[in-house]
Amino acid sequence: MKKILLVDDEHSFLQILDISLSKYFETYTATGVREAIDILKQNEIDLICSDLYMRDGTGVDLLQTVKKYNRNISFILLSGSDYNLDIKMAEHYGAIFISKGEFDLIKQIVTFADNNKKPTE
């Protein structure tokens, strides 16, 4: 079973993701960048699904840390905000972007995890 790390400082959204995705994956949750890094140090993770803006940093910060240590982990960046420079930077580092408002968000995450590509590709 693939292991997915869910990172979001909005507890209710994190809980919904965890409940929905635990049917498909072994899930780990973190409420910020520092906690996510601690989990990554202790576990082999296949996919990170992170919010863009959090209290202790951004999803881009987390992505850069992952790449800095040459960890080849798939990465999904989630945000409720419009397409912006941070999202472009994340895509430059190999992440994909999925809006939190997508009606089929869970399906898109599962499809990406299974095929390592966005469902629309």
N, C-alpha and C. Protein backbone atom coordinates (compact mmCIF):
# COMPACT_ATOMS: atom_id res chain seq x y z
N MET A 1 0.85 -1.19 0.00
CA MET A 1 0.00 0.00 0.00
C MET A 1 0.89 1.24 0.00
N LYS A 2 0.57 2.18 -0.88
CA LYS A 2 1.35 3.42 -0.95
C LYS A 2 1.12 4.26 0.30
N LYS A 3 2.16 5.01 0.64
CA LYS A 3 2.10 5.89 1.80
C LYS A 3 2.03 7.33 1.33
N ILE A 4 1.04 8.05 1.86
CA ILE A 4 0.82 9.43 1.47
C ILE A 4 0.88 10.33 2.70
N LEU A 5 1.59 11.44 2.57
CA LEU A 5 1.69 12.43 3.63
C LEU A 5 0.80 13.61 3.26
N LEU A 6 -0.16 13.91 4.11
CA LEU A 6 -1.10 15.01 3.91
C LEU A 6 -0.69 16.16 4.81
N VAL A 7 -0.51 17.35 4.24
CA VAL A 7 -0.01 18.49 5.01
C VAL A 7 -0.93 19.69 4.81
N ASP A 8 -1.56 20.12 5.89
CA ASP A 8 -2.44 21.29 5.82
C ASP A 8 -2.65 21.80 7.24
N ASP A 9 -2.62 23.11 7.43
CA ASP A 9 -2.84 23.65 8.77
C ASP A 9 -4.32 23.90 9.07
N GLU A 10 -5.18 23.63 8.10
CA GLU A 10 -6.62 23.70 8.32
C GLU A 10 -7.09 22.31 8.75
N HIS A 11 -7.31 22.13 10.05
CA HIS A 11 -7.56 20.82 10.63
C HIS A 11 -8.77 20.10 10.03
N SER A 12 -9.85 20.83 9.78
CA SER A 12 -11.04 20.17 9.25
C SER A 12 -10.80 19.63 7.84
N PHE A 13 -10.11 20.40 7.00
CA PHE A 13 -9.80 19.94 5.64
C PHE A 13 -8.85 18.74 5.69
N LEU A 14 -7.86 18.82 6.58
CA LEU A 14 -6.90 17.72 6.75
C LEU A 14 -7.62 16.44 7.17
N GLN A 15 -8.56 16.56 8.07
CA GLN A 15 -9.31 15.40 8.54
C GLN A 15 -10.15 14.79 7.41
N ILE A 16 -10.78 15.63 6.60
CA ILE A 16 -11.56 15.13 5.46
C ILE A 16 -10.66 14.39 4.48
N LEU A 17 -9.51 14.97 4.16
CA LEU A 17 -8.56 14.30 3.27
C LEU A 17 -8.13 12.96 3.85
N ASP A 18 -7.79 12.96 5.12
CA ASP A 18 -7.32 11.74 5.78
C ASP A 18 -8.37 10.64 5.73
N ILE A 19 -9.59 10.96 6.09
CA ILE A 19 -10.68 9.96 6.08
C ILE A 19 -10.91 9.45 4.67
N SER A 20 -10.95 10.35 3.71
CA SER A 20 -11.24 9.96 2.32
C SER A 20 -10.12 9.15 1.70
N LEU A 21 -8.88 9.52 1.96
CA LEU A 21 -7.75 8.86 1.30
C LEU A 21 -7.25 7.62 2.02
N SER A 22 -7.62 7.46 3.30
CA SER A 22 -7.17 6.27 4.04
C SER A 22 -7.80 4.99 3.50
N LYS A 23 -8.82 5.12 2.66
CA LYS A 23 -9.41 3.95 1.99
C LYS A 23 -8.47 3.38 0.94
N TYR A 24 -7.57 4.23 0.43
CA TYR A 24 -6.69 3.87 -0.68
C TYR A 24 -5.22 3.77 -0.30
N PHE A 25 -4.84 4.49 0.76
CA PHE A 25 -3.42 4.61 1.12
C PHE A 25 -3.22 4.49 2.62
N GLU A 26 -1.98 4.25 2.99
CA GLU A 26 -1.58 4.43 4.38
C GLU A 26 -1.29 5.92 4.52
N THR A 27 -2.06 6.62 5.34
CA THR A 27 -1.94 8.08 5.41
C THR A 27 -1.20 8.53 6.67
N TYR A 28 -0.47 9.61 6.49
CA TYR A 28 0.19 10.32 7.59
C TYR A 28 -0.27 11.77 7.47
N THR A 29 -0.44 12.45 8.59
CA THR A 29 -0.89 13.83 8.55
C THR A 29 0.07 14.74 9.31
N ALA A 30 0.19 15.96 8.79
CA ALA A 30 1.01 16.99 9.44
C ALA A 30 0.28 18.31 9.29
N THR A 31 0.41 19.17 10.30
CA THR A 31 -0.27 20.46 10.26
C THR A 31 0.65 21.60 9.84
N GLY A 32 1.83 21.26 9.37
CA GLY A 32 2.76 22.29 8.91
C GLY A 32 4.02 21.69 8.34
N VAL A 33 4.87 22.56 7.85
CA VAL A 33 6.11 22.15 7.18
C VAL A 33 7.04 21.40 8.13
N ARG A 34 7.25 21.95 9.32
CA ARG A 34 8.19 21.31 10.28
C ARG A 34 7.74 19.91 10.66
N GLU A 35 6.46 19.77 10.94
CA GLU A 35 5.92 18.46 11.31
C GLU A 35 6.05 17.48 10.13
N ALA A 36 5.82 17.97 8.92
CA ALA A 36 5.95 17.13 7.73
C ALA A 36 7.38 16.63 7.56
N ILE A 37 8.34 17.51 7.78
CA ILE A 37 9.75 17.12 7.66
C ILE A 37 10.10 16.06 8.69
N ASP A 38 9.59 16.20 9.90
CA ASP A 38 9.83 15.18 10.93
C ASP A 38 9.27 13.83 10.51
N ILE A 39 8.08 13.82 9.93
CA ILE A 39 7.47 12.57 9.47
C ILE A 39 8.31 11.97 8.34
N LEU A 40 8.79 12.82 7.44
CA LEU A 40 9.61 12.34 6.32
C LEU A 40 10.92 11.72 6.79
N LYS A 41 11.46 12.23 7.88
CA LYS A 41 12.71 11.69 8.42
C LYS A 41 12.52 10.28 8.98
N GLN A 42 11.29 9.95 9.39
CA GLN A 42 11.04 8.69 10.05
C GLN A 42 10.31 7.66 9.19
N ASN A 43 9.83 8.07 8.01
CA ASN A 43 9.01 7.17 7.19
C ASN A 43 9.35 7.29 5.72
N GLU A 44 9.18 6.20 5.00
CA GLU A 44 9.31 6.21 3.54
C GLU A 44 7.95 6.59 2.98
N ILE A 45 7.87 7.74 2.36
CA ILE A 45 6.63 8.27 1.83
C ILE A 45 6.67 8.23 0.30
N ASP A 46 5.55 7.85 -0.32
CA ASP A 46 5.47 7.78 -1.79
C ASP A 46 4.93 9.06 -2.41
N LEU A 47 4.07 9.77 -1.67
CA LEU A 47 3.43 10.96 -2.21
C LEU A 47 3.16 11.96 -1.10
N ILE A 48 3.43 13.22 -1.39
CA ILE A 48 3.09 14.31 -0.47
C ILE A 48 1.99 15.13 -1.11
N CYS A 49 0.98 15.41 -0.35
CA CYS A 49 -0.14 16.25 -0.79
C CYS A 49 -0.20 17.41 0.20
N SER A 50 0.26 18.59 -0.24
CA SER A 50 0.45 19.70 0.69
C SER A 50 -0.32 20.95 0.28
N ASP A 51 -0.83 21.64 1.28
CA ASP A 51 -1.42 22.95 1.09
C ASP A 51 -0.31 23.92 0.68
N LEU A 52 -0.68 24.98 0.00
CA LEU A 52 0.31 25.98 -0.42
C LEU A 52 0.72 26.88 0.75
N TYR A 53 -0.24 27.51 1.41
CA TYR A 53 0.08 28.46 2.47
C TYR A 53 -0.28 27.90 3.84
N MET A 54 0.73 27.82 4.72
CA MET A 54 0.51 27.35 6.09
C MET A 54 1.19 28.31 7.05
N ARG A 55 0.93 28.14 8.32
CA ARG A 55 1.46 29.07 9.33
C ARG A 55 2.98 29.07 9.42
N ASP A 56 3.61 27.92 9.21
CA ASP A 56 5.07 27.84 9.39
C ASP A 56 5.83 27.71 8.08
N GLY A 57 5.19 28.05 6.98
CA GLY A 57 5.88 27.99 5.69
C GLY A 57 4.89 27.66 4.58
N THR A 58 5.44 27.32 3.43
CA THR A 58 4.59 27.02 2.28
C THR A 58 4.85 25.61 1.77
N GLY A 59 3.93 25.15 0.96
CA GLY A 59 4.14 23.86 0.30
C GLY A 59 5.37 23.89 -0.59
N VAL A 60 5.68 25.06 -1.15
CA VAL A 60 6.89 25.20 -1.97
C VAL A 60 8.13 25.02 -1.10
N ASP A 61 8.11 25.56 0.12
CA ASP A 61 9.23 25.36 1.06
C ASP A 61 9.45 23.87 1.31
N LEU A 62 8.36 23.15 1.54
CA LEU A 62 8.44 21.71 1.79
C LEU A 62 8.98 20.99 0.56
N LEU A 63 8.46 21.34 -0.61
CA LEU A 63 8.93 20.73 -1.86
C LEU A 63 10.42 20.97 -2.06
N GLN A 64 10.88 22.18 -1.83
CA GLN A 64 12.31 22.48 -1.98
C GLN A 64 13.16 21.67 -1.00
N THR A 65 12.68 21.49 0.22
CA THR A 65 13.40 20.67 1.20
C THR A 65 13.49 19.22 0.73
N VAL A 66 12.39 18.70 0.23
CA VAL A 66 12.36 17.32 -0.28
C VAL A 66 13.37 17.16 -1.42
N LYS A 67 13.38 18.10 -2.35
CA LYS A 67 14.30 18.04 -3.49
C LYS A 67 15.74 18.23 -3.06
N LYS A 68 15.96 19.06 -2.05
CA LYS A 68 17.31 19.33 -1.54
C LYS A 68 17.98 18.05 -1.04
N TYR A 69 17.20 17.17 -0.46
CA TYR A 69 17.72 15.91 0.06
C TYR A 69 17.57 14.77 -0.95
N ASN A 70 17.35 15.15 -2.23
CA ASN A 70 17.27 14.19 -3.33
C ASN A 70 16.25 13.09 -3.09
N ARG A 71 15.19 13.42 -2.40
CA ARG A 71 14.11 12.45 -2.19
C ARG A 71 13.21 12.49 -3.42
N ASN A 72 13.04 11.36 -4.05
CA ASN A 72 12.21 11.28 -5.24
C ASN A 72 10.78 10.93 -4.83
N ILE A 73 10.09 11.92 -4.31
CA ILE A 73 8.73 11.73 -3.81
C ILE A 73 7.79 12.55 -4.69
N SER A 74 6.74 11.93 -5.18
CA SER A 74 5.74 12.67 -5.95
C SER A 74 5.09 13.72 -5.05
N PHE A 75 4.67 14.83 -5.66
CA PHE A 75 4.20 15.96 -4.86
C PHE A 75 2.99 16.61 -5.52
N ILE A 76 1.93 16.76 -4.74
CA ILE A 76 0.75 17.50 -5.18
C ILE A 76 0.63 18.74 -4.30
N LEU A 77 0.50 19.89 -4.94
CA LEU A 77 0.29 21.14 -4.23
C LEU A 77 -1.18 21.51 -4.33
N LEU A 78 -1.80 21.73 -3.17
CA LEU A 78 -3.21 22.11 -3.11
C LEU A 78 -3.34 23.56 -2.68
N SER A 79 -4.29 24.25 -3.27
CA SER A 79 -4.55 25.61 -2.84
C SER A 79 -5.94 26.03 -3.26
N GLY A 80 -6.52 26.91 -2.49
CA GLY A 80 -7.79 27.50 -2.86
C GLY A 80 -7.58 28.78 -3.65
N SER A 81 -6.33 29.25 -3.73
CA SER A 81 -6.04 30.49 -4.45
C SER A 81 -5.88 30.25 -5.94
N ASP A 82 -5.89 31.33 -6.68
CA ASP A 82 -5.72 31.24 -8.13
C ASP A 82 -4.30 30.83 -8.49
N TYR A 83 -4.13 30.50 -9.73
CA TYR A 83 -2.82 30.16 -10.28
C TYR A 83 -1.88 31.33 -10.07
N ASN A 84 -0.74 31.11 -9.41
CA ASN A 84 0.17 32.22 -9.15
C ASN A 84 1.63 31.77 -9.26
N LEU A 85 2.53 32.66 -8.91
CA LEU A 85 3.96 32.40 -9.05
C LEU A 85 4.43 31.23 -8.20
N ASP A 86 3.91 31.09 -6.97
CA ASP A 86 4.30 29.96 -6.12
C ASP A 86 3.94 28.64 -6.76
N ILE A 87 2.78 28.58 -7.39
CA ILE A 87 2.34 27.35 -8.05
C ILE A 87 3.23 27.06 -9.25
N LYS A 88 3.58 28.10 -10.00
CA LYS A 88 4.50 27.93 -11.14
C LYS A 88 5.84 27.38 -10.65
N MET A 89 6.34 27.90 -9.52
CA MET A 89 7.61 27.43 -8.98
C MET A 89 7.51 25.97 -8.56
N ALA A 90 6.40 25.60 -7.94
CA ALA A 90 6.20 24.20 -7.54
C ALA A 90 6.22 23.29 -8.76
N GLU A 91 5.54 23.72 -9.81
CA GLU A 91 5.52 22.93 -11.04
C GLU A 91 6.92 22.83 -11.64
N HIS A 92 7.71 23.89 -11.51
CA HIS A 92 9.10 23.86 -11.97
C HIS A 92 9.89 22.76 -11.27
N TYR A 93 9.59 22.53 -10.01
CA TYR A 93 10.27 21.50 -9.23
C TYR A 93 9.64 20.11 -9.41
N GLY A 94 8.63 20.01 -10.27
CA GLY A 94 8.05 18.71 -10.57
C GLY A 94 6.76 18.37 -9.87
N ALA A 95 6.20 19.32 -9.13
CA ALA A 95 4.92 19.07 -8.46
C ALA A 95 3.78 19.35 -9.43
N ILE A 96 2.61 18.84 -9.10
CA ILE A 96 1.42 19.24 -9.85
C ILE A 96 0.52 20.05 -8.93
N PHE A 97 -0.34 20.85 -9.52
CA PHE A 97 -1.27 21.67 -8.75
C PHE A 97 -2.68 21.16 -8.95
N ILE A 98 -3.42 21.04 -7.85
CA ILE A 98 -4.85 20.72 -7.90
C ILE A 98 -5.55 21.71 -6.97
N SER A 99 -6.57 22.34 -7.49
CA SER A 99 -7.34 23.30 -6.68
C SER A 99 -8.13 22.56 -5.60
N LYS A 100 -8.17 23.12 -4.41
CA LYS A 100 -8.97 22.54 -3.32
C LYS A 100 -10.45 22.54 -3.66
N GLY A 101 -10.85 23.37 -4.60
CA GLY A 101 -12.26 23.47 -4.95
C GLY A 101 -12.72 22.48 -6.01
N GLU A 102 -11.82 21.65 -6.50
CA GLU A 102 -12.20 20.68 -7.53
C GLU A 102 -13.26 19.73 -6.99
N PHE A 103 -14.31 19.49 -7.76
CA PHE A 103 -15.39 18.61 -7.30
C PHE A 103 -14.92 17.17 -7.16
N ASP A 104 -13.91 16.78 -7.92
CA ASP A 104 -13.39 15.40 -7.86
C ASP A 104 -11.97 15.36 -7.29
N LEU A 105 -11.71 16.18 -6.29
CA LEU A 105 -10.38 16.30 -5.70
C LEU A 105 -9.81 14.94 -5.28
N ILE A 106 -10.57 14.16 -4.54
CA ILE A 106 -10.08 12.87 -4.05
C ILE A 106 -9.74 11.95 -5.23
N LYS A 107 -10.60 11.91 -6.22
CA LYS A 107 -10.35 11.08 -7.40
C LYS A 107 -9.08 11.52 -8.11
N GLN A 108 -8.85 12.82 -8.22
CA GLN A 108 -7.64 13.32 -8.88
C GLN A 108 -6.38 12.91 -8.10
N ILE A 109 -6.44 12.99 -6.78
CA ILE A 109 -5.29 12.59 -5.96
C ILE A 109 -5.01 11.10 -6.13
N VAL A 110 -6.06 10.28 -6.06
CA VAL A 110 -5.91 8.83 -6.20
C VAL A 110 -5.35 8.48 -7.58
N THR A 111 -5.88 9.12 -8.61
CA THR A 111 -5.41 8.85 -9.98
C THR A 111 -3.96 9.24 -10.13
N PHE A 112 -3.57 10.39 -9.60
CA PHE A 112 -2.17 10.81 -9.68
C PHE A 112 -1.27 9.84 -8.94
N ALA A 113 -1.68 9.41 -7.77
CA ALA A 113 -0.87 8.48 -6.98
C ALA A 113 -0.70 7.15 -7.69
N ASP A 114 -1.74 6.69 -8.36
CA ASP A 114 -1.69 5.40 -9.06
C ASP A 114 -0.91 5.47 -10.37
N ASN A 115 -1.02 6.60 -11.07
CA ASN A 115 -0.43 6.69 -12.40
C ASN A 115 0.71 7.69 -12.51
N ASN A 116 0.96 8.43 -11.44
CA ASN A 116 1.98 9.47 -11.38
C ASN A 116 1.77 10.52 -12.48
N LYS A 117 0.51 10.75 -12.83
CA LYS A 117 0.19 11.84 -13.75
C LYS A 117 -1.20 12.35 -13.43
N LYS A 118 -1.42 13.60 -13.76
CA LYS A 118 -2.71 14.24 -13.51
C LYS A 118 -3.77 13.61 -14.41
N PRO A 119 -4.99 13.40 -13.90
CA PRO A 119 -6.04 12.74 -14.68
C PRO A 119 -6.33 13.40 -16.03
N THR A 120 -6.09 14.68 -16.17
CA THR A 120 -6.40 15.37 -17.42
C THR A 120 -5.31 15.21 -18.46
N GLU A 121 -4.20 14.59 -18.11
CA GLU A 121 -3.10 14.43 -19.07
C GLU A 121 -3.35 13.26 -19.99
